[in-house]
């Protein structure tokens, strides 16, 4: 089914973001327009109802021919919590606020900064600069991370009856380096911002 759906969606000129099978026989397909590197933020095309209808019709035909069992087919756009799956997804959304879940907890790598059992983080996605060719081989092996997340702990909530402080406290910024193979899940953080996702930094302030 994965091959059929991928071939159908991409054959119609779209990008397959995710395939989900839910209880009750629901088959949910998430699509997007292909990303072109260098596209300015805020100028990307959005998936419309017409796009979803076109893909739905073609998928219904293909799934019936192949005898794929399902009770209901749903084709939709990614939404504000868009999953990041491929390298191109991370390139496209570098600089955005994302939620990451690691496959394994940090353990000793937490270095006492956070709980060693922690696996979930929210922060700003950045690409790690390529290692310089003059860097010794042992140093390159010690730093295999392709991406990093810049994050800060949430400020402590005021105690009951205590007035919130008006003074803005600068929280220390931590850096989490990772490779895509270390991730269980990665998604854009669902930040509601009526000015557009390109201004998500302003929404945090």
N, C-alpha and C. Protein backbone atom coordinates (compact mmCIF):
# COMPACT_ATOMS: atom_id res chain seq x y z
N UNK A 1 0.82 -1.21 0.00
CA UNK A 1 0.00 0.00 0.00
C UNK A 1 0.86 1.26 0.00
N UNK A 2 1.95 1.23 0.77
CA UNK A 2 2.85 2.39 0.84
C UNK A 2 3.32 2.79 -0.55
N UNK A 3 3.73 1.79 -1.33
CA UNK A 3 4.22 2.06 -2.68
C UNK A 3 3.11 2.62 -3.57
N UNK A 4 1.90 2.05 -3.47
CA UNK A 4 0.78 2.51 -4.28
C UNK A 4 0.43 3.96 -3.95
N UNK A 5 0.31 4.27 -2.66
CA UNK A 5 -0.06 5.62 -2.25
C UNK A 5 1.02 6.62 -2.67
N UNK A 6 2.28 6.27 -2.43
CA UNK A 6 3.38 7.17 -2.80
C UNK A 6 3.38 7.44 -4.30
N UNK A 7 3.25 6.40 -5.09
CA UNK A 7 3.27 6.55 -6.55
C UNK A 7 2.09 7.40 -7.02
N UNK A 8 0.93 7.19 -6.43
CA UNK A 8 -0.27 7.93 -6.84
C UNK A 8 -0.15 9.41 -6.49
N UNK A 9 0.24 9.69 -5.24
CA UNK A 9 0.33 11.07 -4.77
C UNK A 9 1.41 11.84 -5.54
N UNK A 10 2.58 11.25 -5.66
CA UNK A 10 3.67 11.93 -6.36
C UNK A 10 3.39 12.03 -7.86
N UNK A 11 2.65 11.05 -8.40
CA UNK A 11 2.30 11.10 -9.82
C UNK A 11 1.37 12.26 -10.14
N UNK A 12 0.62 12.71 -9.14
CA UNK A 12 -0.27 13.85 -9.32
C UNK A 12 0.43 15.18 -9.01
N UNK A 13 1.71 15.11 -8.66
CA UNK A 13 2.48 16.33 -8.43
C UNK A 13 2.50 16.81 -7.00
N UNK A 14 2.18 15.93 -6.04
CA UNK A 14 2.18 16.30 -4.63
C UNK A 14 3.26 15.54 -3.87
N UNK A 15 3.46 15.93 -2.62
CA UNK A 15 4.41 15.27 -1.75
C UNK A 15 3.63 14.48 -0.70
N UNK A 16 3.98 13.21 -0.50
CA UNK A 16 3.34 12.40 0.52
C UNK A 16 4.00 12.69 1.86
N UNK A 17 3.23 13.19 2.81
CA UNK A 17 3.76 13.55 4.12
C UNK A 17 3.62 12.39 5.10
N UNK A 18 2.43 11.75 5.11
CA UNK A 18 2.20 10.71 6.12
C UNK A 18 1.04 9.81 5.71
N UNK A 19 1.14 8.54 6.12
CA UNK A 19 0.05 7.57 5.96
C UNK A 19 -0.28 7.04 7.35
N UNK A 20 -1.56 7.08 7.70
CA UNK A 20 -1.99 6.60 9.01
C UNK A 20 -3.19 5.68 8.86
N UNK A 21 -3.17 4.58 9.58
CA UNK A 21 -4.33 3.69 9.68
C UNK A 21 -4.88 3.80 11.09
N UNK A 22 -6.13 4.17 11.22
CA UNK A 22 -6.73 4.35 12.53
C UNK A 22 -7.79 3.29 12.78
N UNK A 23 -8.22 3.21 14.03
CA UNK A 23 -9.27 2.25 14.39
C UNK A 23 -10.54 2.53 13.60
N UNK A 24 -11.23 1.49 13.26
CA UNK A 24 -12.47 1.65 12.50
C UNK A 24 -12.26 1.65 11.00
N UNK A 25 -11.03 1.35 10.56
CA UNK A 25 -10.77 1.26 9.13
C UNK A 25 -10.49 2.56 8.44
N UNK A 26 -10.20 3.63 9.21
CA UNK A 26 -9.89 4.92 8.60
C UNK A 26 -8.47 4.92 8.04
N UNK A 27 -8.35 5.30 6.79
CA UNK A 27 -7.05 5.46 6.14
C UNK A 27 -6.85 6.95 5.87
N UNK A 28 -5.90 7.55 6.59
CA UNK A 28 -5.68 8.99 6.48
C UNK A 28 -4.37 9.25 5.73
N UNK A 29 -4.47 10.03 4.67
CA UNK A 29 -3.32 10.38 3.83
C UNK A 29 -3.09 11.88 3.93
N UNK A 30 -1.89 12.28 4.29
CA UNK A 30 -1.55 13.70 4.39
C UNK A 30 -0.64 14.08 3.24
N UNK A 31 -0.99 15.14 2.53
CA UNK A 31 -0.23 15.56 1.36
C UNK A 31 0.18 17.03 1.48
N UNK A 32 1.14 17.40 0.67
CA UNK A 32 1.60 18.79 0.63
C UNK A 32 2.13 19.06 -0.77
N UNK A 33 2.36 20.32 -1.07
CA UNK A 33 3.03 20.65 -2.32
C UNK A 33 4.52 20.42 -2.15
N UNK A 34 5.20 19.93 -3.17
CA UNK A 34 6.65 19.73 -3.06
C UNK A 34 7.36 21.04 -2.73
N UNK A 35 8.37 20.93 -1.87
CA UNK A 35 9.15 22.11 -1.48
C UNK A 35 10.31 22.30 -2.43
N UNK A 36 10.49 23.53 -2.87
CA UNK A 36 11.61 23.88 -3.73
C UNK A 36 12.62 24.65 -2.89
N UNK A 37 13.85 24.12 -2.71
CA UNK A 37 14.86 24.84 -1.91
C UNK A 37 15.03 26.28 -2.40
N UNK A 38 15.12 27.19 -1.46
CA UNK A 38 15.27 28.60 -1.81
C UNK A 38 13.97 29.36 -1.83
N UNK A 39 12.84 28.63 -1.67
CA UNK A 39 11.54 29.30 -1.64
C UNK A 39 11.43 30.18 -0.40
N UNK A 40 11.07 31.42 -0.58
CA UNK A 40 10.97 32.36 0.54
C UNK A 40 9.82 31.95 1.46
N UNK A 41 10.04 32.08 2.78
CA UNK A 41 9.00 31.74 3.74
C UNK A 41 7.80 32.66 3.53
N UNK A 42 6.61 32.07 3.62
CA UNK A 42 5.40 32.84 3.43
C UNK A 42 4.89 32.84 2.00
N UNK A 43 5.69 32.26 1.07
CA UNK A 43 5.27 32.23 -0.33
C UNK A 43 4.91 30.81 -0.78
N UNK A 44 4.97 29.84 0.16
CA UNK A 44 4.66 28.46 -0.20
C UNK A 44 3.19 28.31 -0.56
N UNK A 45 2.90 27.35 -1.44
CA UNK A 45 1.52 27.05 -1.80
C UNK A 45 0.88 26.21 -0.70
N UNK A 46 -0.43 26.38 -0.51
CA UNK A 46 -1.16 25.62 0.49
C UNK A 46 -2.09 24.62 -0.20
N UNK A 47 -2.28 23.48 0.44
CA UNK A 47 -3.18 22.46 -0.08
C UNK A 47 -4.63 22.94 0.04
N UNK A 48 -5.39 22.80 -1.03
CA UNK A 48 -6.78 23.24 -1.05
C UNK A 48 -7.72 22.02 -1.04
N UNK A 49 -9.00 22.30 -0.88
CA UNK A 49 -10.00 21.23 -0.93
C UNK A 49 -9.96 20.53 -2.28
N UNK A 50 -9.76 21.30 -3.34
CA UNK A 50 -9.70 20.72 -4.68
C UNK A 50 -8.52 19.76 -4.81
N UNK A 51 -7.39 20.10 -4.21
CA UNK A 51 -6.23 19.20 -4.23
C UNK A 51 -6.57 17.88 -3.55
N UNK A 52 -7.20 17.96 -2.40
CA UNK A 52 -7.57 16.76 -1.65
C UNK A 52 -8.56 15.90 -2.42
N UNK A 53 -9.52 16.54 -3.07
CA UNK A 53 -10.52 15.81 -3.83
C UNK A 53 -9.88 15.07 -5.01
N UNK A 54 -8.93 15.73 -5.67
CA UNK A 54 -8.27 15.12 -6.82
C UNK A 54 -7.49 13.87 -6.40
N UNK A 55 -6.75 13.99 -5.30
CA UNK A 55 -5.97 12.85 -4.81
C UNK A 55 -6.90 11.75 -4.31
N UNK A 56 -8.00 12.11 -3.66
CA UNK A 56 -8.95 11.13 -3.14
C UNK A 56 -9.52 10.28 -4.26
N UNK A 57 -9.94 10.91 -5.34
CA UNK A 57 -10.52 10.17 -6.48
C UNK A 57 -9.53 9.17 -7.05
N UNK A 58 -8.28 9.61 -7.23
CA UNK A 58 -7.27 8.74 -7.82
C UNK A 58 -6.90 7.60 -6.88
N UNK A 59 -6.83 7.90 -5.58
CA UNK A 59 -6.50 6.86 -4.62
C UNK A 59 -7.61 5.83 -4.49
N UNK A 60 -8.85 6.28 -4.51
CA UNK A 60 -9.98 5.35 -4.40
C UNK A 60 -9.93 4.33 -5.53
N UNK A 61 -9.62 4.80 -6.71
CA UNK A 61 -9.54 3.91 -7.87
C UNK A 61 -8.39 2.91 -7.69
N UNK A 62 -7.21 3.43 -7.33
CA UNK A 62 -6.04 2.57 -7.19
C UNK A 62 -6.18 1.56 -6.06
N UNK A 63 -6.73 1.97 -4.93
CA UNK A 63 -6.90 1.06 -3.80
C UNK A 63 -7.91 -0.03 -4.10
N UNK A 64 -8.94 0.32 -4.87
CA UNK A 64 -9.94 -0.68 -5.25
C UNK A 64 -9.33 -1.72 -6.19
N UNK A 65 -8.55 -1.25 -7.16
CA UNK A 65 -7.91 -2.17 -8.11
C UNK A 65 -6.97 -3.13 -7.40
N UNK A 66 -6.22 -2.61 -6.41
CA UNK A 66 -5.25 -3.45 -5.69
C UNK A 66 -5.89 -4.24 -4.55
N UNK A 67 -7.16 -4.02 -4.27
CA UNK A 67 -7.84 -4.78 -3.24
C UNK A 67 -7.43 -4.41 -1.82
N UNK A 68 -7.02 -3.16 -1.62
CA UNK A 68 -6.64 -2.71 -0.28
C UNK A 68 -7.90 -2.48 0.55
N UNK A 69 -7.95 -3.07 1.74
CA UNK A 69 -9.13 -2.96 2.58
C UNK A 69 -9.07 -1.70 3.45
N UNK A 70 -10.13 -0.95 3.43
CA UNK A 70 -10.30 0.22 4.30
C UNK A 70 -11.78 0.57 4.27
N UNK A 71 -12.24 1.30 5.28
CA UNK A 71 -13.65 1.67 5.35
C UNK A 71 -13.88 3.12 4.96
N UNK A 72 -12.90 3.96 5.26
CA UNK A 72 -13.04 5.38 4.92
C UNK A 72 -11.68 5.97 4.60
N UNK A 73 -11.63 6.76 3.53
CA UNK A 73 -10.39 7.39 3.09
C UNK A 73 -10.47 8.89 3.37
N UNK A 74 -9.43 9.42 3.99
CA UNK A 74 -9.38 10.85 4.29
C UNK A 74 -8.06 11.42 3.79
N UNK A 75 -8.13 12.39 2.91
CA UNK A 75 -6.94 13.07 2.39
C UNK A 75 -6.96 14.50 2.89
N UNK A 76 -5.87 14.94 3.52
CA UNK A 76 -5.85 16.26 4.12
C UNK A 76 -4.49 16.92 3.99
N UNK A 77 -4.45 18.20 4.37
CA UNK A 77 -3.21 18.97 4.40
C UNK A 77 -2.50 18.68 5.72
N UNK A 78 -1.22 19.05 5.86
CA UNK A 78 -0.45 18.70 7.06
C UNK A 78 -0.95 19.34 8.36
N UNK A 79 -1.47 20.56 8.32
CA UNK A 79 -1.88 21.23 9.55
C UNK A 79 -0.71 21.89 10.24
N UNK A 80 -0.99 22.52 11.40
CA UNK A 80 0.05 23.31 12.07
C UNK A 80 1.06 22.43 12.81
N UNK A 81 0.73 21.16 13.05
CA UNK A 81 1.68 20.25 13.70
C UNK A 81 2.24 19.27 12.67
N UNK A 82 2.65 19.80 11.54
CA UNK A 82 3.13 18.99 10.42
C UNK A 82 4.28 18.08 10.84
N UNK A 83 4.20 16.79 10.52
CA UNK A 83 5.30 15.89 10.86
C UNK A 83 6.51 16.15 9.96
N UNK A 84 7.68 15.98 10.51
CA UNK A 84 8.93 16.09 9.76
C UNK A 84 9.50 14.69 9.64
N UNK A 85 9.62 14.20 8.43
CA UNK A 85 10.05 12.82 8.20
C UNK A 85 11.38 12.74 7.44
N UNK A 86 11.47 13.50 6.36
CA UNK A 86 12.62 13.39 5.47
C UNK A 86 13.61 14.52 5.71
N UNK A 87 14.82 14.32 5.19
CA UNK A 87 15.86 15.34 5.29
C UNK A 87 15.37 16.67 4.72
N UNK A 88 14.62 16.59 3.61
CA UNK A 88 14.11 17.81 2.98
C UNK A 88 13.16 18.56 3.90
N UNK A 89 12.40 17.82 4.73
CA UNK A 89 11.49 18.48 5.68
C UNK A 89 12.27 19.32 6.69
N UNK A 90 13.38 18.78 7.17
CA UNK A 90 14.20 19.50 8.15
C UNK A 90 14.87 20.71 7.50
N UNK A 91 15.30 20.56 6.26
CA UNK A 91 15.89 21.69 5.55
C UNK A 91 14.85 22.79 5.36
N UNK A 92 13.65 22.39 5.00
CA UNK A 92 12.58 23.36 4.73
C UNK A 92 12.21 24.16 5.98
N UNK A 93 12.18 23.50 7.13
CA UNK A 93 11.69 24.14 8.34
C UNK A 93 12.80 24.49 9.34
N UNK A 94 14.02 24.58 8.85
CA UNK A 94 15.11 25.05 9.71
C UNK A 94 14.78 26.46 10.19
N UNK A 95 15.00 26.70 11.48
CA UNK A 95 14.68 27.99 12.07
C UNK A 95 13.31 28.03 12.72
N UNK A 96 12.51 26.98 12.53
CA UNK A 96 11.17 26.95 13.11
C UNK A 96 11.18 26.29 14.49
N UNK A 97 10.10 26.48 15.22
CA UNK A 97 9.92 25.85 16.52
C UNK A 97 9.36 24.45 16.29
N UNK A 98 10.03 23.43 16.82
CA UNK A 98 9.61 22.05 16.59
C UNK A 98 9.56 21.26 17.89
N UNK A 99 8.78 20.18 17.87
CA UNK A 99 8.71 19.23 18.99
C UNK A 99 9.40 17.94 18.56
N UNK A 100 10.36 17.49 19.36
CA UNK A 100 11.10 16.27 19.07
C UNK A 100 10.88 15.23 20.15
N UNK A 101 10.81 13.97 19.73
CA UNK A 101 10.79 12.85 20.67
C UNK A 101 11.89 11.89 20.25
N UNK A 102 12.84 11.65 21.14
CA UNK A 102 13.95 10.75 20.85
C UNK A 102 13.53 9.29 21.01
N UNK A 103 14.20 8.40 20.32
CA UNK A 103 13.93 6.97 20.48
C UNK A 103 14.40 6.48 21.84
N UNK A 104 15.51 7.03 22.31
CA UNK A 104 16.07 6.62 23.60
C UNK A 104 16.31 7.85 24.45
N UNK A 105 16.17 7.74 25.76
CA UNK A 105 16.41 8.90 26.63
C UNK A 105 17.88 9.32 26.58
N UNK A 106 18.16 10.53 27.04
CA UNK A 106 19.50 11.10 26.96
C UNK A 106 20.52 10.31 27.78
N UNK A 107 20.11 9.83 28.94
CA UNK A 107 21.03 9.09 29.78
C UNK A 107 22.19 9.96 30.24
N UNK A 108 23.41 9.44 30.10
CA UNK A 108 24.60 10.17 30.54
C UNK A 108 24.81 11.45 29.75
N UNK A 109 24.28 11.50 28.52
CA UNK A 109 24.44 12.69 27.69
C UNK A 109 23.71 13.89 28.27
N UNK A 110 22.81 13.67 29.22
CA UNK A 110 22.10 14.78 29.85
C UNK A 110 23.03 15.64 30.68
N UNK A 111 24.14 15.06 31.14
CA UNK A 111 25.19 15.78 31.86
C UNK A 111 24.64 16.58 33.05
N UNK A 112 23.59 16.08 33.65
CA UNK A 112 23.03 16.74 34.82
C UNK A 112 22.19 17.96 34.52
N UNK A 113 22.05 18.34 33.25
CA UNK A 113 21.28 19.54 32.91
C UNK A 113 19.78 19.26 32.92
N UNK A 114 19.40 18.05 32.53
CA UNK A 114 17.99 17.64 32.54
C UNK A 114 17.92 16.21 33.05
N UNK A 115 16.71 15.72 33.26
CA UNK A 115 16.54 14.34 33.70
C UNK A 115 17.10 13.37 32.66
N UNK A 116 17.87 12.38 33.04
CA UNK A 116 18.46 11.44 32.08
C UNK A 116 17.42 10.61 31.34
N UNK A 117 16.19 10.55 31.87
CA UNK A 117 15.14 9.77 31.21
C UNK A 117 14.34 10.60 30.20
N UNK A 118 14.68 11.87 30.06
CA UNK A 118 13.90 12.76 29.20
C UNK A 118 14.10 12.42 27.73
N UNK A 119 12.98 12.44 26.98
CA UNK A 119 13.04 12.16 25.54
C UNK A 119 12.35 13.23 24.70
N UNK A 120 11.53 14.09 25.33
CA UNK A 120 10.76 15.08 24.56
C UNK A 120 11.32 16.48 24.77
N UNK A 121 11.43 17.23 23.66
CA UNK A 121 11.99 18.57 23.71
C UNK A 121 11.26 19.47 22.71
N UNK A 122 11.21 20.75 23.03
CA UNK A 122 10.68 21.76 22.10
C UNK A 122 11.70 22.88 21.99
N UNK A 123 12.03 23.25 20.76
CA UNK A 123 13.01 24.32 20.57
C UNK A 123 13.15 24.71 19.13
N UNK A 124 14.14 25.55 18.87
CA UNK A 124 14.39 26.09 17.53
C UNK A 124 15.31 25.15 16.76
N UNK A 125 14.88 24.73 15.58
CA UNK A 125 15.64 23.79 14.76
C UNK A 125 16.73 24.50 13.98
N UNK A 126 17.95 23.96 14.05
CA UNK A 126 19.07 24.53 13.29
C UNK A 126 19.89 23.40 12.69
N UNK A 127 20.47 23.68 11.54
CA UNK A 127 21.37 22.71 10.92
C UNK A 127 22.77 22.90 11.47
N UNK A 128 23.45 21.79 11.74
CA UNK A 128 24.82 21.85 12.20
C UNK A 128 25.72 22.08 11.00
N UNK A 129 26.61 23.05 11.11
CA UNK A 129 27.54 23.33 10.02
C UNK A 129 28.40 22.11 9.74
N UNK A 130 28.69 21.90 8.46
CA UNK A 130 29.50 20.76 8.06
C UNK A 130 30.88 20.83 8.72
N UNK A 131 31.40 19.67 9.08
CA UNK A 131 32.72 19.61 9.71
C UNK A 131 33.78 19.99 8.69
N UNK A 132 34.69 20.85 9.08
CA UNK A 132 35.76 21.30 8.19
C UNK A 132 36.65 20.13 7.80
N UNK A 133 37.09 20.12 6.55
CA UNK A 133 37.93 19.03 6.05
C UNK A 133 39.25 18.93 6.81
N UNK A 134 39.69 20.01 7.44
CA UNK A 134 40.95 20.01 8.18
C UNK A 134 40.78 19.47 9.60
N UNK A 135 39.53 19.23 10.01
CA UNK A 135 39.28 18.72 11.36
C UNK A 135 39.77 17.28 11.46
N UNK A 136 40.48 16.94 12.51
CA UNK A 136 40.96 15.55 12.65
C UNK A 136 39.82 14.55 12.60
N UNK A 137 40.13 13.34 12.12
CA UNK A 137 39.10 12.30 11.95
C UNK A 137 38.45 11.93 13.27
N UNK A 138 39.23 11.91 14.38
CA UNK A 138 38.63 11.54 15.66
C UNK A 138 37.64 12.58 16.14
N UNK A 139 37.88 13.86 15.81
CA UNK A 139 36.95 14.92 16.19
C UNK A 139 35.67 14.81 15.38
N UNK A 140 35.80 14.44 14.10
CA UNK A 140 34.61 14.27 13.27
C UNK A 140 33.76 13.12 13.79
N UNK A 141 34.40 12.04 14.20
CA UNK A 141 33.66 10.88 14.69
C UNK A 141 32.95 11.19 15.99
N UNK A 142 33.51 12.15 16.75
CA UNK A 142 32.91 12.48 18.04
C UNK A 142 31.72 13.43 17.91
N UNK A 143 31.52 13.99 16.71
CA UNK A 143 30.43 14.96 16.53
C UNK A 143 29.64 14.62 15.27
N UNK A 144 28.84 13.51 15.30
CA UNK A 144 28.11 13.09 14.11
C UNK A 144 26.78 13.79 13.90
N UNK A 145 26.39 14.66 14.83
CA UNK A 145 25.06 15.28 14.75
C UNK A 145 24.90 16.09 13.47
N UNK A 146 23.76 15.93 12.83
CA UNK A 146 23.45 16.68 11.61
C UNK A 146 22.61 17.91 11.91
N UNK A 147 21.84 17.83 13.00
CA UNK A 147 20.92 18.90 13.35
C UNK A 147 21.03 19.19 14.84
N UNK A 148 20.56 20.34 15.25
CA UNK A 148 20.54 20.67 16.66
C UNK A 148 19.28 21.45 17.00
N UNK A 149 18.90 21.35 18.26
CA UNK A 149 17.72 22.03 18.77
C UNK A 149 18.16 22.98 19.88
N UNK A 150 17.81 24.26 19.74
CA UNK A 150 18.10 25.24 20.77
C UNK A 150 16.86 25.40 21.63
N UNK A 151 16.99 25.10 22.93
CA UNK A 151 15.81 25.11 23.78
C UNK A 151 16.14 25.63 25.17
N UNK A 152 15.10 26.09 25.85
CA UNK A 152 15.21 26.56 27.23
C UNK A 152 14.09 25.93 28.04
N UNK A 153 14.35 25.76 29.33
CA UNK A 153 13.32 25.23 30.21
C UNK A 153 12.21 26.26 30.37
N UNK A 154 10.99 25.78 30.63
CA UNK A 154 9.88 26.68 30.90
C UNK A 154 10.13 27.38 32.24
N UNK A 155 9.84 28.68 32.34
CA UNK A 155 10.03 29.37 33.63
C UNK A 155 9.11 28.77 34.68
N UNK A 156 9.56 28.71 35.93
CA UNK A 156 8.73 28.12 36.99
C UNK A 156 7.43 28.90 37.19
N UNK A 157 6.35 28.18 37.39
CA UNK A 157 5.05 28.83 37.59
C UNK A 157 5.02 29.49 38.96
N UNK A 158 4.36 30.66 39.08
CA UNK A 158 4.27 31.34 40.38
C UNK A 158 3.51 30.49 41.38
N UNK A 159 3.87 30.61 42.65
CA UNK A 159 3.19 29.86 43.70
C UNK A 159 1.78 30.40 43.89
N UNK A 160 0.87 29.59 44.44
CA UNK A 160 -0.51 30.06 44.67
C UNK A 160 -0.53 31.34 45.49
N UNK A 161 -1.25 32.34 44.97
CA UNK A 161 -1.35 33.62 45.65
C UNK A 161 -0.23 34.57 45.35
N UNK A 162 0.79 34.10 44.64
CA UNK A 162 1.94 34.96 44.30
C UNK A 162 1.70 35.65 42.97
N UNK A 163 1.96 36.94 42.91
CA UNK A 163 1.78 37.68 41.67
C UNK A 163 2.92 37.36 40.70
N UNK A 164 2.58 37.17 39.42
CA UNK A 164 3.64 36.92 38.43
C UNK A 164 4.59 38.10 38.35
N UNK A 165 5.87 37.79 38.24
CA UNK A 165 6.88 38.84 38.15
C UNK A 165 6.82 39.50 36.77
N UNK A 166 6.90 40.82 36.75
CA UNK A 166 6.91 41.54 35.48
C UNK A 166 8.30 41.56 34.86
N UNK A 167 9.28 41.18 35.64
CA UNK A 167 10.66 41.18 35.15
C UNK A 167 10.89 39.93 34.32
N UNK A 168 11.35 40.13 33.11
CA UNK A 168 11.59 39.01 32.21
C UNK A 168 12.95 38.39 32.53
N UNK A 169 12.93 37.11 32.90
CA UNK A 169 14.15 36.42 33.25
C UNK A 169 14.73 35.71 32.03
N UNK A 170 15.99 35.98 31.76
CA UNK A 170 16.66 35.31 30.64
C UNK A 170 17.04 33.90 31.06
N UNK A 171 16.43 32.91 30.42
CA UNK A 171 16.71 31.52 30.75
C UNK A 171 17.88 31.00 29.91
N UNK A 172 18.70 30.14 30.49
CA UNK A 172 19.84 29.59 29.73
C UNK A 172 19.36 28.78 28.54
N UNK A 173 20.08 28.89 27.43
CA UNK A 173 19.74 28.16 26.22
C UNK A 173 20.59 26.90 26.15
N UNK A 174 19.94 25.77 25.95
CA UNK A 174 20.63 24.49 25.83
C UNK A 174 20.65 24.08 24.35
N UNK A 175 21.61 23.24 24.02
CA UNK A 175 21.75 22.76 22.64
C UNK A 175 21.69 21.23 22.65
N UNK A 176 20.77 20.69 21.87
CA UNK A 176 20.63 19.24 21.72
C UNK A 176 20.99 18.87 20.29
N UNK A 177 22.11 18.18 20.11
CA UNK A 177 22.50 17.70 18.79
C UNK A 177 21.91 16.33 18.52
N UNK A 178 21.51 16.07 17.28
CA UNK A 178 20.89 14.77 16.98
C UNK A 178 21.01 14.46 15.49
N UNK A 179 20.81 13.20 15.16
CA UNK A 179 20.67 12.76 13.77
C UNK A 179 19.23 12.30 13.58
N UNK A 180 18.80 12.21 12.35
CA UNK A 180 17.41 11.81 12.09
C UNK A 180 17.14 10.38 12.55
N UNK A 181 18.16 9.54 12.54
CA UNK A 181 17.97 8.16 12.97
C UNK A 181 17.67 8.05 14.46
N UNK A 182 17.99 9.09 15.23
CA UNK A 182 17.76 9.06 16.67
C UNK A 182 16.35 9.50 17.06
N UNK A 183 15.55 9.94 16.08
CA UNK A 183 14.24 10.49 16.38
C UNK A 183 13.13 9.46 16.25
N UNK A 184 12.24 9.46 17.22
CA UNK A 184 11.01 8.67 17.12
C UNK A 184 9.93 9.49 16.42
N UNK A 185 9.91 10.79 16.70
CA UNK A 185 8.90 11.66 16.09
C UNK A 185 9.42 13.09 16.08
N UNK A 186 9.06 13.83 15.04
CA UNK A 186 9.41 15.24 14.95
C UNK A 186 8.28 15.97 14.24
N UNK A 187 7.84 17.09 14.82
CA UNK A 187 6.73 17.84 14.25
C UNK A 187 6.94 19.33 14.49
N UNK A 188 6.33 20.13 13.62
CA UNK A 188 6.29 21.55 13.89
C UNK A 188 5.48 21.78 15.16
N UNK A 189 5.95 22.63 16.03
CA UNK A 189 5.20 22.93 17.25
C UNK A 189 3.91 23.64 16.87
N UNK A 190 2.76 23.20 17.38
CA UNK A 190 1.47 23.80 17.01
C UNK A 190 1.26 25.16 17.66
N UNK A 191 2.01 26.15 17.18
CA UNK A 191 1.91 27.50 17.71
C UNK A 191 0.85 28.26 16.91
N UNK A 192 -0.17 28.75 17.57
CA UNK A 192 -1.21 29.52 16.90
C UNK A 192 -0.71 30.95 16.74
N UNK A 193 -0.53 31.35 15.48
CA UNK A 193 0.02 32.67 15.19
C UNK A 193 -0.69 33.21 13.96
N UNK A 194 -1.52 34.23 14.14
CA UNK A 194 -2.31 34.75 13.04
C UNK A 194 -1.48 35.58 12.06
N UNK A 195 -0.22 35.83 12.39
CA UNK A 195 0.66 36.55 11.48
C UNK A 195 1.39 35.63 10.54
N UNK A 196 1.21 34.31 10.73
CA UNK A 196 1.89 33.37 9.85
C UNK A 196 3.01 32.68 10.58
N UNK A 197 3.34 31.44 10.16
CA UNK A 197 4.36 30.67 10.83
C UNK A 197 5.73 31.31 10.72
N UNK A 198 5.95 32.12 9.72
CA UNK A 198 7.23 32.77 9.57
C UNK A 198 7.52 33.72 10.71
N UNK A 199 6.51 34.14 11.47
CA UNK A 199 6.69 35.04 12.60
C UNK A 199 6.55 34.32 13.93
N UNK A 200 6.81 32.99 13.94
CA UNK A 200 6.60 32.21 15.14
C UNK A 200 7.50 32.68 16.29
N UNK A 201 8.64 33.26 15.95
CA UNK A 201 9.52 33.74 17.00
C UNK A 201 8.84 34.84 17.82
N UNK A 202 8.06 35.68 17.14
CA UNK A 202 7.34 36.75 17.84
C UNK A 202 6.26 36.18 18.72
N UNK A 203 5.71 35.02 18.33
CA UNK A 203 4.63 34.44 19.11
C UNK A 203 5.13 33.91 20.44
N UNK A 204 6.43 33.57 20.52
CA UNK A 204 6.97 33.04 21.74
C UNK A 204 7.17 34.12 22.78
N UNK A 205 7.37 35.36 22.35
CA UNK A 205 7.70 36.44 23.27
C UNK A 205 6.47 36.92 24.03
